[in-house]
Amino acid sequence: MPRVISITSGKGGVGKSNFVLNVGICLAMMDHRVQILDADLGLANIDVLLGIRANKTLEDVVFGRIEPKDVLIKTDYRVELIPGCSGVQDMADLKQEQIEALVSKVMTISDSSEYLLVDTASGISTGVISFLLASPEVIIGVGPEPTSLTDAYAMIKVLCKNDYHGRISMFSSMVKNSASGHALYKKISSASQRFLDTHVEYLGSVYQDEKLSNAVSDQVPAVVRYPTSDISRCYRVIALTLLGQEPSEVDQEKFWTRLIAMLSKVSKPRVMRAVSFNGDGDNGGIENTIHNILDEQRKTRLLLERLVAKIEQGAPPARLKTGPFV
């Protein structure tokens, strides 16, 4: 039974897919059987980062063109890839019966792995949240930009509002050093603990390093292309931290059944209420929803800035006034 971990981010561009690939390779180098499921059904790109062409993808499995075992790609780095597909609108808008068939088929090819790393899309769409709610462990990538910070907090809030009880971890991405990464973690951790009563574990930092861009251009994973670089050390430390965690218990049959139900559900009112951030069920249309999201991000940013200022001053955080936005 694999340890299932879903990796996501509130905002795109934080290096989520590179994190999945490089940490997965580090785990494989430590003699663990690792599979990566590229679950960004509309914009999959792990195969591009590996410099390979996935001639057979999840699309072929879903539409019955190949057997499940034929989609699995054995890479040169001891990591197996279950490739998604890119730019296929039918995959981004799967019907209920197609999703059910996809999940049941994927389940048959993941049993042999120790780790199943699920690379999801970014953001808080109902599809992404469904994947995360079905996973016993969620890792959120957070960058130093205010928008990345607030979107990560918003994602944690959505999970909490939907009664998620699994492990939530985060990694700081594109930071200058470990101190900067830990400061970023404190902002998320303090706000999540205080206002959501949710503990967020810290996996470590991924430094800003031009070698990552070079590795992407070369289509060779950074831990292989530049094994002694700072960013490769970051990925190895995070892999070791994952190994040191107590695996979350998961009933695999229940997990996949729940995932099917989440993905197949036509109406997801609880998720939609959480996405609106306004604390009520009537969002008044798309314009009002967008307004509420922007207002939530602004208020959350101010809240986190005040909270981290108190922490940096060495004083206990003052009791901040809460409202529907926290």
Protein backbone atom coordinates (compact mmCIF):
# COMPACT_ATOMS: atom_id res chain seq x y z
CA MET A 1 0.00 0.00 0.00
CA PRO A 2 1.63 3.29 -1.05
CA ARG A 3 1.94 6.38 1.07
CA VAL A 4 -0.21 8.84 -0.88
CA ILE A 5 0.89 12.50 -0.82
CA SER A 6 -0.74 15.25 -2.88
CA ILE A 7 1.36 18.30 -3.70
CA THR A 8 -0.29 21.58 -4.61
CA SER A 9 -0.04 25.36 -4.27
CA GLY A 10 -2.48 28.21 -3.88
CA LYS A 11 -0.75 30.11 -6.67
CA GLY A 12 1.05 28.82 -9.71
CA GLY A 13 4.73 29.38 -10.40
CA VAL A 14 6.17 28.21 -7.07
CA GLY A 15 8.02 25.21 -8.51
CA LYS A 16 5.48 22.58 -7.50
CA SER A 17 6.13 20.15 -10.36
CA ASN A 18 9.91 20.45 -9.95
CA PHE A 19 9.42 19.74 -6.26
CA VAL A 20 7.44 16.57 -6.99
CA LEU A 21 9.95 15.31 -9.53
CA ASN A 22 13.15 16.07 -7.63
CA VAL A 23 11.93 14.94 -4.21
CA GLY A 24 10.58 11.78 -5.83
CA ILE A 25 13.98 11.07 -7.37
CA CYS A 26 15.68 11.67 -4.01
CA LEU A 27 13.38 9.12 -2.39
CA ALA A 28 14.10 6.66 -5.19
CA MET A 29 17.85 7.17 -4.68
CA MET A 30 17.27 6.06 -1.08
CA ASP A 31 15.93 2.74 -2.37
CA HIS A 32 12.22 3.52 -2.15
CA ARG A 33 9.73 2.63 -4.87
CA VAL A 34 8.22 5.89 -6.09
CA GLN A 35 5.49 6.67 -8.56
CA ILE A 36 4.40 10.12 -9.68
CA LEU A 37 0.82 10.66 -10.77
CA ASP A 38 0.51 13.77 -12.93
CA ALA A 39 -3.02 14.70 -11.85
CA ASP A 40 -3.10 18.08 -13.55
CA LEU A 41 -5.43 16.57 -16.13
CA GLY A 42 -5.57 19.64 -18.34
CA LEU A 43 -1.96 20.86 -18.18
CA ALA A 44 0.33 17.97 -17.30
CA ASN A 45 4.06 18.66 -17.66
CA ILE A 46 6.16 16.17 -15.66
CA ASP A 47 7.10 14.37 -18.87
CA VAL A 48 8.41 17.65 -20.29
CA LEU A 49 10.62 18.19 -17.24
CA LEU A 50 12.01 14.68 -17.77
CA GLY A 51 12.76 15.30 -21.42
CA ILE A 52 10.60 12.42 -22.56
CA ARG A 53 7.59 12.15 -24.77
CA ALA A 54 4.64 10.36 -23.26
CA ASN A 55 3.06 8.72 -26.29
CA LYS A 56 0.54 7.01 -24.02
CA THR A 57 -1.19 9.02 -21.30
CA LEU A 58 -4.12 8.87 -18.91
CA GLU A 59 -6.30 9.99 -21.79
CA ASP A 60 -5.64 6.67 -23.55
CA VAL A 61 -6.51 4.74 -20.39
CA VAL A 62 -9.73 6.70 -19.86
CA PHE A 63 -10.94 6.20 -23.40
CA GLY A 64 -10.01 2.50 -23.43
CA ARG A 65 -7.26 2.66 -26.04
CA ILE A 66 -4.64 0.92 -23.87
CA GLU A 67 -4.41 -1.25 -20.77
CA PRO A 68 -3.50 0.50 -17.49
CA LYS A 69 -0.08 -1.18 -17.23
CA ASP A 70 0.88 0.22 -20.63
CA VAL A 71 0.69 3.85 -19.47
CA LEU A 72 3.39 3.48 -16.80
CA ILE A 73 6.73 4.99 -17.83
CA LYS A 74 9.92 3.71 -16.22
CA THR A 75 12.32 6.67 -16.23
CA ASP A 76 16.11 6.70 -16.09
CA TYR A 77 15.94 7.94 -12.50
CA ARG A 78 14.23 4.95 -10.82
CA VAL A 79 10.96 6.87 -10.62
CA GLU A 80 7.87 5.62 -12.43
CA LEU A 81 5.57 8.15 -14.06
CA ILE A 82 1.84 7.90 -14.60
CA PRO A 83 1.59 10.71 -17.17
CA GLY A 84 -1.29 13.08 -17.53
CA CYS A 85 -1.92 14.92 -20.75
CA SER A 86 -1.58 18.52 -21.86
CA GLY A 87 -3.94 20.70 -23.81
CA VAL A 88 -6.75 18.14 -24.21
CA GLN A 89 -10.04 19.80 -23.32
CA ASP A 90 -11.87 16.46 -22.97
CA MET A 91 -9.52 15.53 -20.12
CA ALA A 92 -10.10 18.82 -18.33
CA ASP A 93 -13.88 18.26 -18.48
CA LEU A 94 -14.22 14.55 -17.80
CA LYS A 95 -17.66 13.06 -17.34
CA GLN A 96 -18.54 11.22 -14.15
CA GLU A 97 -18.26 7.72 -15.58
CA GLN A 98 -14.90 8.56 -17.19
CA ILE A 99 -13.49 9.81 -13.88
CA GLU A 100 -14.65 6.66 -12.11
CA ALA A 101 -13.00 4.49 -14.74
CA LEU A 102 -9.79 6.52 -14.58
CA VAL A 103 -9.43 6.25 -10.80
CA SER A 104 -10.20 2.55 -10.63
CA LYS A 105 -7.65 1.83 -13.35
CA VAL A 106 -4.94 4.00 -11.79
CA MET A 107 -5.45 2.15 -8.51
CA THR A 108 -4.37 -1.12 -10.11
CA ILE A 109 -0.97 0.22 -11.17
CA SER A 110 -0.05 2.06 -7.94
CA ASP A 111 -0.22 -0.90 -5.54
CA SER A 112 3.44 -1.84 -6.00
CA SER A 113 4.85 1.55 -4.98
CA GLU A 114 5.86 2.79 -1.53
CA TYR A 115 5.23 6.43 -2.36
CA LEU A 116 2.60 7.84 -4.70
CA LEU A 117 3.27 11.55 -5.22
CA VAL A 118 0.28 13.27 -6.79
CA ASP A 119 1.07 16.47 -8.69
CA THR A 120 -2.18 18.45 -8.74
CA ALA A 121 -3.06 21.70 -10.43
CA SER A 122 -2.67 24.96 -8.51
CA GLY A 123 -5.52 26.97 -7.03
CA ILE A 124 -8.73 26.22 -5.18
CA SER A 125 -10.97 24.94 -7.93
CA THR A 126 -13.41 22.19 -6.99
CA GLY A 127 -11.36 19.61 -8.90
CA VAL A 128 -8.16 20.42 -7.01
CA ILE A 129 -9.90 20.54 -3.64
CA SER A 130 -11.53 17.17 -4.38
CA PHE A 131 -8.13 15.59 -4.92
CA LEU A 132 -6.76 17.15 -1.74
CA LEU A 133 -9.71 16.18 0.44
CA ALA A 134 -9.29 12.58 -0.68
CA SER A 135 -5.59 12.47 0.17
CA PRO A 136 -4.31 11.56 3.65
CA GLU A 137 -1.43 14.03 3.24
CA VAL A 138 -1.22 17.41 1.51
CA ILE A 139 1.90 19.45 0.84
CA ILE A 140 1.48 23.11 -0.11
CA GLY A 141 4.22 25.10 -1.85
CA VAL A 142 4.45 28.74 -0.77
CA GLY A 143 6.51 31.47 -2.42
CA PRO A 144 7.59 34.79 -0.89
CA GLU A 145 5.10 36.89 -2.88
CA PRO A 146 2.14 38.22 -0.86
CA THR A 147 -0.29 36.63 -3.31
CA SER A 148 1.30 33.20 -2.85
CA LEU A 149 1.13 33.62 0.91
CA THR A 150 -2.52 34.62 0.99
CA ASP A 151 -3.55 31.99 -1.55
CA ALA A 152 -1.84 29.27 0.52
CA TYR A 153 -3.69 30.43 3.64
CA ALA A 154 -6.94 30.49 1.66
CA MET A 155 -6.33 26.91 0.52
CA ILE A 156 -5.73 25.75 4.10
CA LYS A 157 -8.94 27.51 5.10
CA VAL A 158 -10.92 25.77 2.36
CA LEU A 159 -9.58 22.39 3.51
CA CYS A 160 -10.53 23.16 7.11
CA LYS A 161 -14.01 24.33 6.13
CA ASN A 162 -14.49 21.00 4.38
CA ASP A 163 -13.47 19.03 7.50
CA TYR A 164 -10.10 17.83 6.25
CA HIS A 165 -8.36 15.82 8.98
CA GLY A 166 -5.22 14.67 7.17
CA ARG A 167 -1.67 15.98 7.53
CA ILE A 168 -0.95 19.41 6.05
CA SER A 169 2.68 20.31 5.38
CA MET A 170 4.32 23.14 3.48
CA PHE A 171 7.62 23.99 1.87
CA SER A 172 8.96 27.48 1.29
CA SER A 173 9.90 28.00 -2.33
CA MET A 174 12.27 30.41 -4.10
CA VAL A 175 13.65 31.86 -0.87
CA LYS A 176 17.16 33.26 -0.31
CA ASN A 177 18.12 31.05 2.60
CA SER A 178 16.76 28.83 5.35
CA ALA A 179 16.02 31.79 7.62
CA SER A 180 13.83 33.39 4.96
CA GLY A 181 12.08 30.08 4.39
CA HIS A 182 11.37 29.57 8.07
CA ALA A 183 10.07 33.14 8.40
CA LEU A 184 7.63 32.39 5.59
CA TYR A 185 6.54 29.24 7.38
CA LYS A 186 5.96 31.15 10.64
CA LYS A 187 3.51 33.46 8.88
CA ILE A 188 1.43 30.55 7.62
CA SER A 189 1.80 28.44 10.74
CA SER A 190 0.89 31.20 13.21
CA ALA A 191 -2.20 32.29 11.31
CA SER A 192 -3.36 28.71 10.67
CA GLN A 193 -2.88 27.69 14.28
CA ARG A 194 -4.51 30.79 15.75
CA PHE A 195 -7.49 31.28 13.49
CA LEU A 196 -8.09 27.82 11.98
CA ASP A 197 -6.85 25.69 14.89
CA THR A 198 -4.81 23.76 12.33
CA HIS A 199 -1.22 22.64 12.63
CA VAL A 200 0.93 22.94 9.51
CA GLU A 201 4.17 20.96 9.45
CA TYR A 202 7.32 22.37 7.88
CA LEU A 203 9.32 20.31 5.39
CA GLY A 204 12.02 22.86 4.59
CA SER A 205 13.05 25.42 1.99
CA VAL A 206 13.81 25.33 -1.71
CA TYR A 207 16.26 28.12 -2.48
CA GLN A 208 16.15 30.53 -5.38
CA ASP A 209 18.77 29.03 -7.68
CA GLU A 210 19.41 29.66 -11.35
CA LYS A 211 20.58 26.06 -11.66
CA LEU A 212 16.94 24.99 -11.46
CA SER A 213 16.12 27.06 -14.54
CA ASN A 214 19.14 25.59 -16.31
CA ALA A 215 18.04 22.07 -15.40
CA VAL A 216 14.53 22.74 -16.71
CA SER A 217 16.00 24.05 -19.96
CA ASP A 218 18.18 20.94 -20.23
CA GLN A 219 15.14 18.77 -19.37
CA VAL A 220 17.20 16.98 -16.72
CA PRO A 221 16.10 16.98 -13.05
CA ALA A 222 18.15 19.39 -10.92
CA VAL A 223 19.23 16.67 -8.45
CA VAL A 224 20.74 14.77 -11.39
CA ARG A 225 22.08 17.69 -13.42
CA TYR A 226 23.56 19.55 -10.44
CA PRO A 227 23.80 17.01 -7.57
CA THR A 228 26.05 19.18 -5.37
CA SER A 229 24.11 22.43 -5.81
CA ASP A 230 22.27 24.21 -3.01
CA ILE A 231 18.88 23.46 -4.51
CA SER A 232 19.67 19.75 -4.78
CA ARG A 233 20.62 19.72 -1.11
CA CYS A 234 17.28 21.37 -0.36
CA TYR A 235 15.38 18.60 -2.14
CA ARG A 236 17.40 15.89 -0.35
CA VAL A 237 16.74 17.45 3.06
CA ILE A 238 13.01 17.56 2.33
CA ALA A 239 13.05 13.92 1.19
CA LEU A 240 14.75 12.95 4.44
CA THR A 241 12.18 14.95 6.40
CA LEU A 242 9.38 13.06 4.65
CA LEU A 243 11.04 9.77 5.57
CA GLY A 244 11.19 10.91 9.18
CA GLN A 245 7.45 11.57 9.35
CA GLU A 246 5.10 8.95 10.66
CA PRO A 247 3.06 7.82 7.64
CA SER A 248 -0.61 8.71 7.86
CA GLU A 249 -2.85 5.69 7.98
CA VAL A 250 -4.98 5.23 4.92
CA ASP A 251 -7.50 2.64 3.88
CA GLN A 252 -6.63 2.45 0.20
CA GLU A 253 -10.04 1.17 -0.87
CA LYS A 254 -11.74 3.91 1.12
CA PHE A 255 -9.29 6.47 -0.26
CA TRP A 256 -9.99 5.68 -3.90
CA THR A 257 -13.74 5.34 -3.28
CA ARG A 258 -13.77 8.75 -1.63
CA LEU A 259 -11.74 10.23 -4.45
CA ILE A 260 -14.21 8.90 -7.01
CA ALA A 261 -17.13 10.35 -5.05
CA MET A 262 -15.44 13.73 -4.70
CA LEU A 263 -14.54 13.99 -8.37
CA SER A 264 -17.88 12.69 -9.59
CA LYS A 265 -20.09 14.91 -7.45
CA VAL A 266 -22.00 17.31 -9.65
CA SER A 267 -22.86 19.75 -6.90
CA LYS A 268 -20.22 20.76 -4.34
CA PRO A 269 -21.94 23.48 -2.31
CA ARG A 270 -19.55 23.32 0.64
CA VAL A 271 -16.51 23.82 -1.55
CA MET A 272 -18.16 26.67 -3.41
CA ARG A 273 -19.12 28.40 -0.18
CA ALA A 274 -15.56 28.07 1.02
CA VAL A 275 -14.18 29.47 -2.20
CA SER A 276 -16.39 32.56 -1.91
CA PHE A 277 -14.88 33.34 1.54
CA ASN A 278 -17.88 35.45 2.53
CA GLY A 279 -19.28 33.11 5.15
CA ASP A 280 -22.70 32.62 3.55
CA GLY A 281 -24.19 30.44 0.86
CA ASP A 282 -25.42 33.10 -1.54
CA ASN A 283 -22.50 34.57 -3.45
CA GLY A 284 -24.63 36.87 -5.60
CA GLY A 285 -23.01 35.82 -8.88
CA ILE A 286 -19.51 35.62 -10.26
CA GLU A 287 -18.70 39.32 -9.84
CA ASN A 288 -19.55 39.22 -6.17
CA THR A 289 -17.53 36.03 -5.73
CA ILE A 290 -14.44 37.62 -7.31
CA HIS A 291 -14.89 40.67 -5.11
CA ASN A 292 -15.07 38.49 -2.00
CA ILE A 293 -11.92 36.59 -2.96
CA LEU A 294 -9.95 39.80 -3.51
CA ASP A 295 -11.23 41.24 -0.25
CA GLU A 296 -10.25 38.04 1.56
CA GLN A 297 -6.72 38.17 0.20
CA ARG A 298 -6.28 41.82 1.17
CA LYS A 299 -7.51 41.29 4.73
CA THR A 300 -5.51 38.11 5.17
CA ARG A 301 -2.31 39.82 4.00
CA LEU A 302 -2.80 42.64 6.52
CA LEU A 303 -3.53 40.09 9.23
CA LEU A 304 -0.37 38.08 8.51
CA GLU A 305 1.78 41.21 8.33
CA ARG A 306 0.57 42.31 11.76
CA LEU A 307 1.06 38.83 13.18
CA VAL A 308 4.61 38.35 11.89
CA ALA A 309 5.55 41.87 13.11
CA LYS A 310 4.56 40.81 16.63
CA ILE A 311 6.57 37.60 16.31
CA GLU A 312 9.69 39.43 15.06
CA GLN A 313 9.44 41.86 17.99
CA GLY A 314 9.58 38.91 20.35
CA ALA A 315 6.24 39.72 21.92
CA PRO A 316 3.32 37.30 22.17
CA PRO A 317 0.79 37.97 19.40
CA ALA A 318 -1.98 40.28 20.46
CA ARG A 319 -5.54 39.13 20.26
CA LEU A 320 -6.54 40.25 16.79
CA LYS A 321 -10.11 40.94 15.92
CA THR A 322 -11.58 38.16 13.83
CA GLY A 323 -14.32 38.33 11.31
CA PRO A 324 -15.80 36.31 8.50
CA PHE A 325 -12.57 36.55 6.55
CA VAL A 326 -10.50 34.46 8.98
